[in-house]
Amino acid sequence: MMKIKDISAALVLFEESAAKQAEATELGDYKAGNKYYDKVVEAANFLKATNSIDKIRGFLSHSSVGVRMWAAAYSLPFDEKEATKILREIINGSGIHALTAETTLMEWQKGNLKF
């Protein structure tokens, strides 16, 4: 894994990796999906460690469903209302991302997700 140098780099990595992870999922490419998932987590962990995770709020209106979904998931602990709204919008769509958003929200409500 690459060494993230600053918050800006972490945000770029989060955005790019979330979009690519979603694309790989759509294509059924689990190897690429897993690779980009790891990068999303790496970027989010850096942002959490620097008390900057709230900066992903800007991605809640991103054009990529993957970026919106990952941003919403990681926003649940500090902006549950807005994150839930975004996840519900994705749920109302179709395909694998609707199912992923639904599962994410359901597991959050059960208390099974820890970010």
PDB file of N, CA and C in Angstrom:
ATOM      1  N   MET A   1       0.830  -1.184   0.000  1.00  0.00           N
ATOM      2  CA  MET A   1       0.000   0.000   0.000  1.00  0.00           C
ATOM      3  C   MET A   1       0.876   1.251   0.000  1.00  0.00           C
ATOM      4  N   MET A   2       0.323   2.276  -0.614  1.00  0.00           N
ATOM      5  CA  MET A   2       1.081   3.521  -0.667  1.00  0.00           C
ATOM      6  C   MET A   2       0.953   4.281   0.648  1.00  0.00           C
ATOM      7  N   LYS A   3       1.917   5.096   0.921  1.00  0.00           N
ATOM      8  CA  LYS A   3       1.905   5.909   2.126  1.00  0.00           C
ATOM      9  C   LYS A   3       1.190   7.220   1.810  1.00  0.00           C
ATOM     10  N   ILE A   4       0.090   7.461   2.506  1.00  0.00           N
ATOM     11  CA  ILE A   4      -0.666   8.694   2.311  1.00  0.00           C
ATOM     12  C   ILE A   4       0.050   9.812   3.057  1.00  0.00           C
ATOM     13  N   LYS A   5       0.278  10.910   2.347  1.00  0.00           N
ATOM     14  CA  LYS A   5       1.066  11.998   2.915  1.00  0.00           C
ATOM     15  C   LYS A   5       0.239  13.070   3.624  1.00  0.00           C
ATOM     16  N   ASP A   6      -0.985  13.312   3.131  1.00  0.00           N
ATOM     17  CA  ASP A   6      -1.774  14.390   3.725  1.00  0.00           C
ATOM     18  C   ASP A   6      -3.266  14.158   3.463  1.00  0.00           C
ATOM     19  N   ILE A   7      -4.077  15.017   4.033  1.00  0.00           N
ATOM     20  CA  ILE A   7      -5.533  14.887   3.944  1.00  0.00           C
ATOM     21  C   ILE A   7      -5.998  14.984   2.494  1.00  0.00           C
ATOM     22  N   SER A   8      -5.426  15.897   1.750  1.00  0.00           N
ATOM     23  CA  SER A   8      -5.807  16.064   0.347  1.00  0.00           C
ATOM     24  C   SER A   8      -5.563  14.778  -0.443  1.00  0.00           C
ATOM     25  N   ALA A   9      -4.421  14.170  -0.238  1.00  0.00           N
ATOM     26  CA  ALA A   9      -4.096  12.917  -0.931  1.00  0.00           C
ATOM     27  C   ALA A   9      -5.050  11.799  -0.504  1.00  0.00           C
ATOM     28  N   ALA A  10      -5.419  11.781   0.766  1.00  0.00           N
ATOM     29  CA  ALA A  10      -6.352  10.763   1.257  1.00  0.00           C
ATOM     30  C   ALA A  10      -7.723  10.937   0.613  1.00  0.00           C
ATOM     31  N   LEU A  11      -8.156  12.176   0.460  1.00  0.00           N
ATOM     32  CA  LEU A  11      -9.454  12.436  -0.168  1.00  0.00           C
ATOM     33  C   LEU A  11      -9.449  12.017  -1.636  1.00  0.00           C
ATOM     34  N   VAL A  12      -8.360  12.296  -2.336  1.00  0.00           N
ATOM     35  CA  VAL A  12      -8.251  11.882  -3.737  1.00  0.00           C
ATOM     36  C   VAL A  12      -8.263  10.358  -3.827  1.00  0.00           C
ATOM     37  N   LEU A  13      -7.504   9.701  -2.960  1.00  0.00           N
ATOM     38  CA  LEU A  13      -7.469   8.235  -2.958  1.00  0.00           C
ATOM     39  C   LEU A  13      -8.848   7.661  -2.647  1.00  0.00           C
ATOM     40  N   PHE A  14      -9.539   8.226  -1.684  1.00  0.00           N
ATOM     41  CA  PHE A  14     -10.888   7.768  -1.330  1.00  0.00           C
ATOM     42  C   PHE A  14     -11.811   7.881  -2.539  1.00  0.00           C
ATOM     43  N   GLU A  15     -11.828   9.050  -3.150  1.00  0.00           N
ATOM     44  CA  GLU A  15     -12.723   9.307  -4.280  1.00  0.00           C
ATOM     45  C   GLU A  15     -12.433   8.362  -5.450  1.00  0.00           C
ATOM     46  N   GLU A  16     -11.181   8.304  -5.862  1.00  0.00           N
ATOM     47  CA  GLU A  16     -10.819   7.467  -7.016  1.00  0.00           C
ATOM     48  C   GLU A  16     -11.058   5.989  -6.734  1.00  0.00           C
ATOM     49  N   SER A  17     -10.689   5.545  -5.550  1.00  0.00           N
ATOM     50  CA  SER A  17     -10.822   4.132  -5.221  1.00  0.00           C
ATOM     51  C   SER A  17     -12.277   3.711  -5.060  1.00  0.00           C
ATOM     52  N   ALA A  18     -13.099   4.586  -4.480  1.00  0.00           N
ATOM     53  CA  ALA A  18     -14.523   4.281  -4.328  1.00  0.00           C
ATOM     54  C   ALA A  18     -15.185   4.141  -5.699  1.00  0.00           C
ATOM     55  N   ALA A  19     -14.842   5.037  -6.622  1.00  0.00           N
ATOM     56  CA  ALA A  19     -15.409   4.969  -7.981  1.00  0.00           C
ATOM     57  C   ALA A  19     -14.955   3.691  -8.680  1.00  0.00           C
ATOM     58  N   LYS A  20     -13.684   3.370  -8.574  1.00  0.00           N
ATOM     59  CA  LYS A  20     -13.155   2.181  -9.246  1.00  0.00           C
ATOM     60  C   LYS A  20     -13.657   0.895  -8.599  1.00  0.00           C
ATOM     61  N   GLN A  21     -13.857   0.913  -7.284  1.00  0.00           N
ATOM     62  CA  GLN A  21     -14.401  -0.262  -6.611  1.00  0.00           C
ATOM     63  C   GLN A  21     -15.810  -0.536  -7.104  1.00  0.00           C
ATOM     64  N   ALA A  22     -16.612   0.502  -7.243  1.00  0.00           N
ATOM     65  CA  ALA A  22     -17.982   0.350  -7.730  1.00  0.00           C
ATOM     66  C   ALA A  22     -17.995  -0.157  -9.168  1.00  0.00           C
ATOM     67  N   GLU A  23     -17.120   0.377 -10.001  1.00  0.00           N
ATOM     68  CA  GLU A  23     -17.034  -0.073 -11.394  1.00  0.00           C
ATOM     69  C   GLU A  23     -16.651  -1.547 -11.463  1.00  0.00           C
ATOM     70  N   ALA A  24     -15.677  -1.940 -10.663  1.00  0.00           N
ATOM     71  CA  ALA A  24     -15.247  -3.342 -10.651  1.00  0.00           C
ATOM     72  C   ALA A  24     -16.382  -4.250 -10.187  1.00  0.00           C
ATOM     73  N   THR A  25     -17.148  -3.793  -9.208  1.00  0.00           N
ATOM     74  CA  THR A  25     -18.290  -4.562  -8.723  1.00  0.00           C
ATOM     75  C   THR A  25     -19.317  -4.746  -9.837  1.00  0.00           C
ATOM     76  N   GLU A  26     -19.587  -3.684 -10.568  1.00  0.00           N
ATOM     77  CA  GLU A  26     -20.541  -3.756 -11.677  1.00  0.00           C
ATOM     78  C   GLU A  26     -20.095  -4.755 -12.739  1.00  0.00           C
ATOM     79  N   LEU A  27     -18.785  -4.852 -12.938  1.00  0.00           N
ATOM     80  CA  LEU A  27     -18.237  -5.757 -13.946  1.00  0.00           C
ATOM     81  C   LEU A  27     -18.042  -7.176 -13.417  1.00  0.00           C
ATOM     82  N   GLY A  28     -18.261  -7.362 -12.124  1.00  0.00           N
ATOM     83  CA  GLY A  28     -18.051  -8.679 -11.528  1.00  0.00           C
ATOM     84  C   GLY A  28     -16.584  -9.016 -11.326  1.00  0.00           C
ATOM     85  N   ASP A  29     -15.726  -8.025 -11.323  1.00  0.00           N
ATOM     86  CA  ASP A  29     -14.287  -8.220 -11.149  1.00  0.00           C
ATOM     87  C   ASP A  29     -13.944  -8.096  -9.662  1.00  0.00           C
ATOM     88  N   TYR A  30     -14.095  -9.214  -8.949  1.00  0.00           N
ATOM     89  CA  TYR A  30     -13.912  -9.162  -7.496  1.00  0.00           C
ATOM     90  C   TYR A  30     -12.473  -8.875  -7.097  1.00  0.00           C
ATOM     91  N   LYS A  31     -11.496  -9.297  -7.898  1.00  0.00           N
ATOM     92  CA  LYS A  31     -10.097  -9.027  -7.544  1.00  0.00           C
ATOM     93  C   LYS A  31      -9.818  -7.528  -7.554  1.00  0.00           C
ATOM     94  N   ALA A  32     -10.239  -6.855  -8.609  1.00  0.00           N
ATOM     95  CA  ALA A  32     -10.057  -5.399  -8.670  1.00  0.00           C
ATOM     96  C   ALA A  32     -10.915  -4.730  -7.598  1.00  0.00           C
ATOM     97  N   GLY A  33     -12.128  -5.214  -7.403  1.00  0.00           N
ATOM     98  CA  GLY A  33     -13.008  -4.659  -6.377  1.00  0.00           C
ATOM     99  C   GLY A  33     -12.377  -4.719  -4.998  1.00  0.00           C
ATOM    100  N   ASN A  34     -11.776  -5.865  -4.685  1.00  0.00           N
ATOM    101  CA  ASN A  34     -11.119  -6.021  -3.383  1.00  0.00           C
ATOM    102  C   ASN A  34      -9.912  -5.088  -3.253  1.00  0.00           C
ATOM    103  N   LYS A  35      -9.163  -4.941  -4.335  1.00  0.00           N
ATOM    104  CA  LYS A  35      -7.989  -4.056  -4.332  1.00  0.00           C
ATOM    105  C   LYS A  35      -8.416  -2.622  -4.035  1.00  0.00           C
ATOM    106  N   TYR A  36      -9.472  -2.162  -4.706  1.00  0.00           N
ATOM    107  CA  TYR A  36      -9.922  -0.790  -4.492  1.00  0.00           C
ATOM    108  C   TYR A  36     -10.635  -0.625  -3.153  1.00  0.00           C
ATOM    109  N   TYR A  37     -11.289  -1.672  -2.690  1.00  0.00           N
ATOM    110  CA  TYR A  37     -11.891  -1.636  -1.343  1.00  0.00           C
ATOM    111  C   TYR A  37     -10.799  -1.362  -0.309  1.00  0.00           C
ATOM    112  N   ASP A  38      -9.683  -2.079  -0.418  1.00  0.00           N
ATOM    113  CA  ASP A  38      -8.572  -1.877   0.521  1.00  0.00           C
ATOM    114  C   ASP A  38      -8.090  -0.428   0.508  1.00  0.00           C
ATOM    115  N   LYS A  39      -8.086   0.181  -0.667  1.00  0.00           N
ATOM    116  CA  LYS A  39      -7.635   1.573  -0.772  1.00  0.00           C
ATOM    117  C   LYS A  39      -8.651   2.540  -0.172  1.00  0.00           C
ATOM    118  N   VAL A  40      -9.935   2.244  -0.334  1.00  0.00           N
ATOM    119  CA  VAL A  40     -10.976   3.061   0.302  1.00  0.00           C
ATOM    120  C   VAL A  40     -10.775   3.037   1.815  1.00  0.00           C
ATOM    121  N   VAL A  41     -10.588   1.848   2.354  1.00  0.00           N
ATOM    122  CA  VAL A  41     -10.400   1.682   3.802  1.00  0.00           C
ATOM    123  C   VAL A  41      -9.127   2.387   4.256  1.00  0.00           C
ATOM    124  N   GLU A  42      -8.050   2.261   3.488  1.00  0.00           N
ATOM    125  CA  GLU A  42      -6.790   2.920   3.834  1.00  0.00           C
ATOM    126  C   GLU A  42      -6.981   4.439   3.911  1.00  0.00           C
ATOM    127  N   ALA A  43      -7.650   4.997   2.912  1.00  0.00           N
ATOM    128  CA  ALA A  43      -7.885   6.440   2.890  1.00  0.00           C
ATOM    129  C   ALA A  43      -8.784   6.857   4.051  1.00  0.00           C
ATOM    130  N   ALA A  44      -9.844   6.101   4.290  1.00  0.00           N
ATOM    131  CA  ALA A  44     -10.762   6.424   5.394  1.00  0.00           C
ATOM    132  C   ALA A  44     -10.044   6.335   6.736  1.00  0.00           C
ATOM    133  N   ASN A  45      -9.207   5.343   6.904  1.00  0.00           N
ATOM    134  CA  ASN A  45      -8.464   5.206   8.165  1.00  0.00           C
ATOM    135  C   ASN A  45      -7.522   6.384   8.388  1.00  0.00           C
ATOM    136  N   PHE A  46      -6.878   6.848   7.319  1.00  0.00           N
ATOM    137  CA  PHE A  46      -6.014   8.022   7.435  1.00  0.00           C
ATOM    138  C   PHE A  46      -6.841   9.239   7.841  1.00  0.00           C
ATOM    139  N   LEU A  47      -7.981   9.410   7.187  1.00  0.00           N
ATOM    140  CA  LEU A  47      -8.844  10.552   7.506  1.00  0.00           C
ATOM    141  C   LEU A  47      -9.354  10.482   8.937  1.00  0.00           C
ATOM    142  N   LYS A  48      -9.693   9.291   9.401  1.00  0.00           N
ATOM    143  CA  LYS A  48     -10.130   9.149  10.796  1.00  0.00           C
ATOM    144  C   LYS A  48      -8.981   9.465  11.750  1.00  0.00           C
ATOM    145  N   ALA A  49      -7.791   8.973  11.437  1.00  0.00           N
ATOM    146  CA  ALA A  49      -6.629   9.171  12.310  1.00  0.00           C
ATOM    147  C   ALA A  49      -6.237  10.641  12.412  1.00  0.00           C
ATOM    148  N   THR A  50      -6.574  11.418  11.389  1.00  0.00           N
ATOM    149  CA  THR A  50      -6.249  12.846  11.396  1.00  0.00           C
ATOM    150  C   THR A  50      -7.473  13.706  11.720  1.00  0.00           C
ATOM    151  N   ASN A  51      -8.505  13.057  12.274  1.00  0.00           N
ATOM    152  CA  ASN A  51      -9.758  13.744  12.630  1.00  0.00           C
ATOM    153  C   ASN A  51     -10.331  14.538  11.453  1.00  0.00           C
ATOM    154  N   SER A  52     -10.258  13.951  10.263  1.00  0.00           N
ATOM    155  CA  SER A  52     -10.704  14.629   9.047  1.00  0.00           C
ATOM    156  C   SER A  52     -11.745  13.836   8.270  1.00  0.00           C
ATOM    157  N   ILE A  53     -12.273  12.772   8.842  1.00  0.00           N
ATOM    158  CA  ILE A  53     -13.214  11.924   8.115  1.00  0.00           C
ATOM    159  C   ILE A  53     -14.450  12.708   7.669  1.00  0.00           C
ATOM    160  N   ASP A  54     -14.798  13.747   8.408  1.00  0.00           N
ATOM    161  CA  ASP A  54     -15.974  14.538   8.033  1.00  0.00           C
ATOM    162  C   ASP A  54     -15.797  15.255   6.692  1.00  0.00           C
ATOM    163  N   LYS A  55     -14.584  15.335   6.191  1.00  0.00           N
ATOM    164  CA  LYS A  55     -14.333  15.985   4.906  1.00  0.00           C
ATOM    165  C   LYS A  55     -14.902  15.182   3.730  1.00  0.00           C
ATOM    166  N   ILE A  56     -15.301  13.936   3.969  1.00  0.00           N
ATOM    167  CA  ILE A  56     -15.904  13.145   2.888  1.00  0.00           C
ATOM    168  C   ILE A  56     -17.342  13.577   2.617  1.00  0.00           C
ATOM    169  N   ARG A  57     -17.892  14.440   3.461  1.00  0.00           N
ATOM    170  CA  ARG A  57     -19.261  14.957   3.220  1.00  0.00           C
ATOM    171  C   ARG A  57     -19.397  15.521   1.814  1.00  0.00           C
ATOM    172  N   GLY A  58     -18.342  16.104   1.316  1.00  0.00           N
ATOM    173  CA  GLY A  58     -18.365  16.683  -0.024  1.00  0.00           C
ATOM    174  C   GLY A  58     -18.635  15.659  -1.114  1.00  0.00           C
ATOM    175  N   PHE A  59     -18.441  14.397  -0.809  1.00  0.00           N
ATOM    176  CA  PHE A  59     -18.658  13.336  -1.794  1.00  0.00           C
ATOM    177  C   PHE A  59     -20.099  12.814  -1.786  1.00  0.00           C
ATOM    178  N   LEU A  60     -20.917  13.288  -0.878  1.00  0.00           N
ATOM    179  CA  LEU A  60     -22.295  12.786  -0.785  1.00  0.00           C
ATOM    180  C   LEU A  60     -23.148  13.167  -1.994  1.00  0.00           C
ATOM    181  N   SER A  61     -22.681  14.117  -2.775  1.00  0.00           N
ATOM    182  CA  SER A  61     -23.416  14.503  -3.986  1.00  0.00           C
ATOM    183  C   SER A  61     -22.602  14.191  -5.246  1.00  0.00           C
ATOM    184  N   HIS A  62     -21.644  13.319  -5.126  1.00  0.00           N
ATOM    185  CA  HIS A  62     -20.761  12.954  -6.246  1.00  0.00           C
ATOM    186  C   HIS A  62     -21.543  12.284  -7.371  1.00  0.00           C
ATOM    187  N   SER A  63     -21.066  12.415  -8.580  1.00  0.00           N
ATOM    188  CA  SER A  63     -21.744  11.798  -9.730  1.00  0.00           C
ATOM    189  C   SER A  63     -21.629  10.271  -9.734  1.00  0.00           C
ATOM    190  N   SER A  64     -20.603   9.724  -9.104  1.00  0.00           N
ATOM    191  CA  SER A  64     -20.426   8.268  -9.041  1.00  0.00           C
ATOM    192  C   SER A  64     -21.221   7.684  -7.881  1.00  0.00           C
ATOM    193  N   VAL A  65     -22.053   6.710  -8.181  1.00  0.00           N
ATOM    194  CA  VAL A  65     -22.837   6.058  -7.129  1.00  0.00           C
ATOM    195  C   VAL A  65     -21.911   5.407  -6.099  1.00  0.00           C
ATOM    196  N   GLY A  66     -20.796   4.889  -6.548  1.00  0.00           N
ATOM    197  CA  GLY A  66     -19.850   4.258  -5.624  1.00  0.00           C
ATOM    198  C   GLY A  66     -19.267   5.248  -4.636  1.00  0.00           C
ATOM    199  N   VAL A  67     -18.902   6.416  -5.119  1.00  0.00           N
ATOM    200  CA  VAL A  67     -18.339   7.442  -4.233  1.00  0.00           C
ATOM    201  C   VAL A  67     -19.405   7.902  -3.249  1.00  0.00           C
ATOM    202  N   ARG A  68     -20.630   8.131  -3.741  1.00  0.00           N
ATOM    203  CA  ARG A  68     -21.724   8.525  -2.837  1.00  0.00           C
ATOM    204  C   ARG A  68     -21.966   7.448  -1.781  1.00  0.00           C
ATOM    205  N   MET A  69     -21.983   6.199  -2.207  1.00  0.00           N
ATOM    206  CA  MET A  69     -22.296   5.109  -1.279  1.00  0.00           C
ATOM    207  C   MET A  69     -21.218   4.959  -0.208  1.00  0.00           C
ATOM    208  N   TRP A  70     -19.947   4.971  -0.613  1.00  0.00           N
ATOM    209  CA  TRP A  70     -18.875   4.853   0.366  1.00  0.00           C
ATOM    210  C   TRP A  70     -18.838   6.063   1.291  1.00  0.00           C
ATOM    211  N   ALA A  71     -19.055   7.246   0.745  1.00  0.00           N
ATOM    212  CA  ALA A  71     -19.075   8.454   1.581  1.00  0.00           C
ATOM    213  C   ALA A  71     -20.226   8.383   2.581  1.00  0.00           C
ATOM    214  N   ALA A  72     -21.373   7.921   2.123  1.00  0.00           N
ATOM    215  CA  ALA A  72     -22.530   7.800   3.023  1.00  0.00           C
ATOM    216  C   ALA A  72     -22.251   6.775   4.117  1.00  0.00           C
ATOM    217  N   ALA A  73     -21.687   5.656   3.744  1.00  0.00           N
ATOM    218  CA  ALA A  73     -21.404   4.623   4.744  1.00  0.00           C
ATOM    219  C   ALA A  73     -20.460   5.147   5.824  1.00  0.00           C
ATOM    220  N   TYR A  74     -19.395   5.815   5.403  1.00  0.00           N
ATOM    221  CA  TYR A  74     -18.434   6.335   6.382  1.00  0.00           C
ATOM    222  C   TYR A  74     -18.959   7.573   7.112  1.00  0.00           C
ATOM    223  N   SER A  75     -20.023   8.187   6.611  1.00  0.00           N
ATOM    224  CA  SER A  75     -20.618   9.346   7.278  1.00  0.00           C
ATOM    225  C   SER A  75     -21.656   8.969   8.327  1.00  0.00           C
ATOM    226  N   LEU A  76     -22.090   7.732   8.322  1.00  0.00           N
ATOM    227  CA  LEU A  76     -23.139   7.315   9.267  1.00  0.00           C
ATOM    228  C   LEU A  76     -22.845   7.685  10.718  1.00  0.00           C
ATOM    229  N   PRO A  77     -21.623   7.506  11.222  1.00  0.00           N
ATOM    230  CA  PRO A  77     -21.379   7.826  12.631  1.00  0.00           C
ATOM    231  C   PRO A  77     -21.485   9.309  12.991  1.00  0.00           C
ATOM    232  N   PHE A  78     -21.261  10.213  12.042  1.00  0.00           N
ATOM    233  CA  PHE A  78     -21.266  11.637  12.393  1.00  0.00           C
ATOM    234  C   PHE A  78     -22.341  12.449  11.679  1.00  0.00           C
ATOM    235  N   ASP A  79     -23.013  11.865  10.695  1.00  0.00           N
ATOM    236  CA  ASP A  79     -24.096  12.567  10.006  1.00  0.00           C
ATOM    237  C   ASP A  79     -25.114  11.532   9.530  1.00  0.00           C
ATOM    238  N   GLU A  80     -25.685  10.838  10.497  1.00  0.00           N
ATOM    239  CA  GLU A  80     -26.562   9.712  10.194  1.00  0.00           C
ATOM    240  C   GLU A  80     -27.752  10.119   9.321  1.00  0.00           C
ATOM    241  N   LYS A  81     -28.323  11.273   9.590  1.00  0.00           N
ATOM    242  CA  LYS A  81     -29.508  11.709   8.844  1.00  0.00           C
ATOM    243  C   LYS A  81     -29.195  11.849   7.346  1.00  0.00           C
ATOM    244  N   GLU A  82     -28.155  12.588   7.016  1.00  0.00           N
ATOM    245  CA  GLU A  82     -27.803  12.804   5.611  1.00  0.00           C
ATOM    246  C   GLU A  82     -27.302  11.508   4.962  1.00  0.00           C
ATOM    247  N   ALA A  83     -26.501  10.754   5.688  1.00  0.00           N
ATOM    248  CA  ALA A  83     -25.981   9.494   5.146  1.00  0.00           C
ATOM    249  C   ALA A  83     -27.123   8.523   4.839  1.00  0.00           C
ATOM    250  N   THR A  84     -28.082   8.450   5.735  1.00  0.00           N
ATOM    251  CA  THR A  84     -29.244   7.583   5.530  1.00  0.00           C
ATOM    252  C   THR A  84     -30.038   8.033   4.306  1.00  0.00           C
ATOM    253  N   LYS A  85     -30.182   9.329   4.152  1.00  0.00           N
ATOM    254  CA  LYS A  85     -30.900   9.867   2.992  1.00  0.00           C
ATOM    255  C   LYS A  85     -30.222   9.426   1.691  1.00  0.00           C
ATOM    256  N   ILE A  86     -28.913   9.536   1.630  1.00  0.00           N
ATOM    257  CA  ILE A  86     -28.166   9.153   0.426  1.00  0.00           C
ATOM    258  C   ILE A  86     -28.287   7.651   0.186  1.00  0.00           C
ATOM    259  N   LEU A  87     -28.139   6.857   1.226  1.00  0.00           N
ATOM    260  CA  LEU A  87     -28.270   5.405   1.059  1.00  0.00           C
ATOM    261  C   LEU A  87     -29.664   5.038   0.574  1.00  0.00           C
ATOM    262  N   ARG A  88     -30.691   5.695   1.081  1.00  0.00           N
ATOM    263  CA  ARG A  88     -32.069   5.420   0.628  1.00  0.00           C
ATOM    264  C   ARG A  88     -32.259   5.799  -0.841  1.00  0.00           C
ATOM    265  N   GLU A  89     -31.633   6.876  -1.274  1.00  0.00           N
ATOM    266  CA  GLU A  89     -31.698   7.251  -2.694  1.00  0.00           C
ATOM    267  C   GLU A  89     -31.071   6.159  -3.564  1.00  0.00           C
ATOM    268  N   ILE A  90     -29.946   5.611  -3.102  1.00  0.00           N
ATOM    269  CA  ILE A  90     -29.279   4.541  -3.854  1.00  0.00           C
ATOM    270  C   ILE A  90     -30.136   3.277  -3.841  1.00  0.00           C
ATOM    271  N   ILE A  91     -30.755   2.988  -2.711  1.00  0.00           N
ATOM    272  CA  ILE A  91     -31.635   1.817  -2.595  1.00  0.00           C
ATOM    273  C   ILE A  91     -32.772   1.897  -3.602  1.00  0.00           C
ATOM    274  N   ASN A  92     -33.274   3.096  -3.844  1.00  0.00           N
ATOM    275  CA  ASN A  92     -34.380   3.277  -4.785  1.00  0.00           C
ATOM    276  C   ASN A  92     -33.955   3.107  -6.239  1.00  0.00           C
ATOM    277  N   GLY A  93     -32.660   2.952  -6.474  1.00  0.00           N
ATOM    278  CA  GLY A  93     -32.160   2.682  -7.821  1.00  0.00           C
ATOM    279  C   GLY A  93     -32.289   1.200  -8.115  1.00  0.00           C
ATOM    280  N   SER A  94     -31.397   0.705  -8.923  1.00  0.00           N
ATOM    281  CA  SER A  94     -31.439  -0.712  -9.252  1.00  0.00           C
ATOM    282  C   SER A  94     -30.023  -1.282  -9.277  1.00  0.00           C
ATOM    283  N   GLY A  95     -29.942  -2.583  -9.339  1.00  0.00           N
ATOM    284  CA  GLY A  95     -28.655  -3.241  -9.476  1.00  0.00           C
ATOM    285  C   GLY A  95     -27.968  -3.520  -8.154  1.00  0.00           C
ATOM    286  N   ILE A  96     -26.725  -3.908  -8.279  1.00  0.00           N
ATOM    287  CA  ILE A  96     -25.925  -4.354  -7.138  1.00  0.00           C
ATOM    288  C   ILE A  96     -25.741  -3.248  -6.103  1.00  0.00           C
ATOM    289  N   HIS A  97     -25.643  -2.004  -6.533  1.00  0.00           N
ATOM    290  CA  HIS A  97     -25.413  -0.918  -5.573  1.00  0.00           C
ATOM    291  C   HIS A  97     -26.641  -0.676  -4.701  1.00  0.00           C
ATOM    292  N   ALA A  98     -27.825  -0.875  -5.253  1.00  0.00           N
ATOM    293  CA  ALA A  98     -29.046  -0.748  -4.451  1.00  0.00           C
ATOM    294  C   ALA A  98     -29.042  -1.791  -3.336  1.00  0.00           C
ATOM    295  N   LEU A  99     -28.654  -3.002  -3.669  1.00  0.00           N
ATOM    296  CA  LEU A  99     -28.592  -4.073  -2.672  1.00  0.00           C
ATOM    297  C   LEU A  99     -27.511  -3.788  -1.631  1.00  0.00           C
ATOM    298  N   THR A 100     -26.369  -3.313  -2.080  1.00  0.00           N
ATOM    299  CA  THR A 100     -25.279  -2.990  -1.150  1.00  0.00           C
ATOM    300  C   THR A 100     -25.693  -1.873  -0.193  1.00  0.00           C
ATOM    301  N   ALA A 101     -26.318  -0.835  -0.729  1.00  0.00           N
ATOM    302  CA  ALA A 101     -26.778   0.276   0.120  1.00  0.00           C
ATOM    303  C   ALA A 101     -27.817  -0.210   1.123  1.00  0.00           C
ATOM    304  N   GLU A 102     -28.724  -1.058   0.668  1.00  0.00           N
ATOM    305  CA  GLU A 102     -29.756  -1.591   1.558  1.00  0.00           C
ATOM    306  C   GLU A 102     -29.140  -2.416   2.687  1.00  0.00           C
ATOM    307  N   THR A 103     -28.183  -3.253   2.334  1.00  0.00           N
ATOM    308  CA  THR A 103     -27.515  -4.085   3.342  1.00  0.00           C
ATOM    309  C   THR A 103     -26.722  -3.212   4.315  1.00  0.00           C
ATOM    310  N   THR A 104     -26.046  -2.209   3.795  1.00  0.00           N
ATOM    311  CA  THR A 104     -25.277  -1.298   4.651  1.00  0.00           C
ATOM    312  C   THR A 104     -26.191  -0.619   5.662  1.00  0.00           C
ATOM    313  N   LEU A 105     -27.287  -0.077   5.188  1.00  0.00           N
ATOM    314  CA  LEU A 105     -28.218   0.618   6.075  1.00  0.00           C
ATOM    315  C   LEU A 105     -28.834  -0.340   7.092  1.00  0.00           C
ATOM    316  N   MET A 106     -29.213  -1.512   6.648  1.00  0.00           N
ATOM    317  CA  MET A 106     -29.819  -2.499   7.543  1.00  0.00           C
ATOM    318  C   MET A 106     -28.831  -2.918   8.648  1.00  0.00           C
ATOM    319  N   GLU A 107     -27.588  -3.173   8.264  1.00  0.00           N
ATOM    320  CA  GLU A 107     -26.582  -3.585   9.245  1.00  0.00           C
ATOM    321  C   GLU A 107     -26.228  -2.441  10.194  1.00  0.00           C
ATOM    322  N   TRP A 108     -26.245  -1.208   9.705  1.00  0.00           N
ATOM    323  CA  TRP A 108     -26.016  -0.040  10.565  1.00  0.00           C
ATOM    324  C   TRP A 108     -27.119   0.059  11.618  1.00  0.00           C
ATOM    325  N   GLN A 109     -28.355  -0.101  11.169  1.00  0.00           N
ATOM    326  CA  GLN A 109     -29.500   0.011  12.080  1.00  0.00           C
ATOM    327  C   GLN A 109     -29.491  -1.112  13.113  1.00  0.00           C
ATOM    328  N   LYS A 110     -28.951  -2.255  12.783  1.00  0.00           N
ATOM    329  CA  LYS A 110     -28.833  -3.370  13.732  1.00  0.00           C
ATOM    330  C   LYS A 110     -27.662  -3.187  14.689  1.00  0.00           C
ATOM    331  N   GLY A 111     -26.788  -2.214  14.398  1.00  0.00           N
ATOM    332  CA  GLY A 111     -25.618  -1.979  15.233  1.00  0.00           C
ATOM    333  C   GLY A 111     -24.442  -2.861  14.894  1.00  0.00           C
ATOM    334  N   ASN A 112     -24.454  -3.436  13.707  1.00  0.00           N
ATOM    335  CA  ASN A 112     -23.392  -4.365  13.301  1.00  0.00           C
ATOM    336  C   ASN A 112     -22.226  -3.720  12.574  1.00  0.00           C
ATOM    337  N   LEU A 113     -22.346  -2.444  12.221  1.00  0.00           N
ATOM    338  CA  LEU A 113     -21.249  -1.774  11.507  1.00  0.00           C
ATOM    339  C   LEU A 113     -20.479  -0.850  12.444  1.00  0.00           C
ATOM    340  N   LYS A 114     -19.186  -0.933  12.338  1.00  0.00           N
ATOM    341  CA  LYS A 114     -18.295  -0.062  13.109  1.00  0.00           C
ATOM    342  C   LYS A 114     -17.342   0.583  12.124  1.00  0.00           C
ATOM    343  N   PHE A 115     -17.373   1.903  12.043  1.00  0.00           N
ATOM    344  CA  PHE A 115     -16.479   2.604  11.122  1.00  0.00           C
ATOM    345  C   PHE A 115     -15.383   3.263  11.909  1.00  0.00           C
TER     346      PHE A 115
END
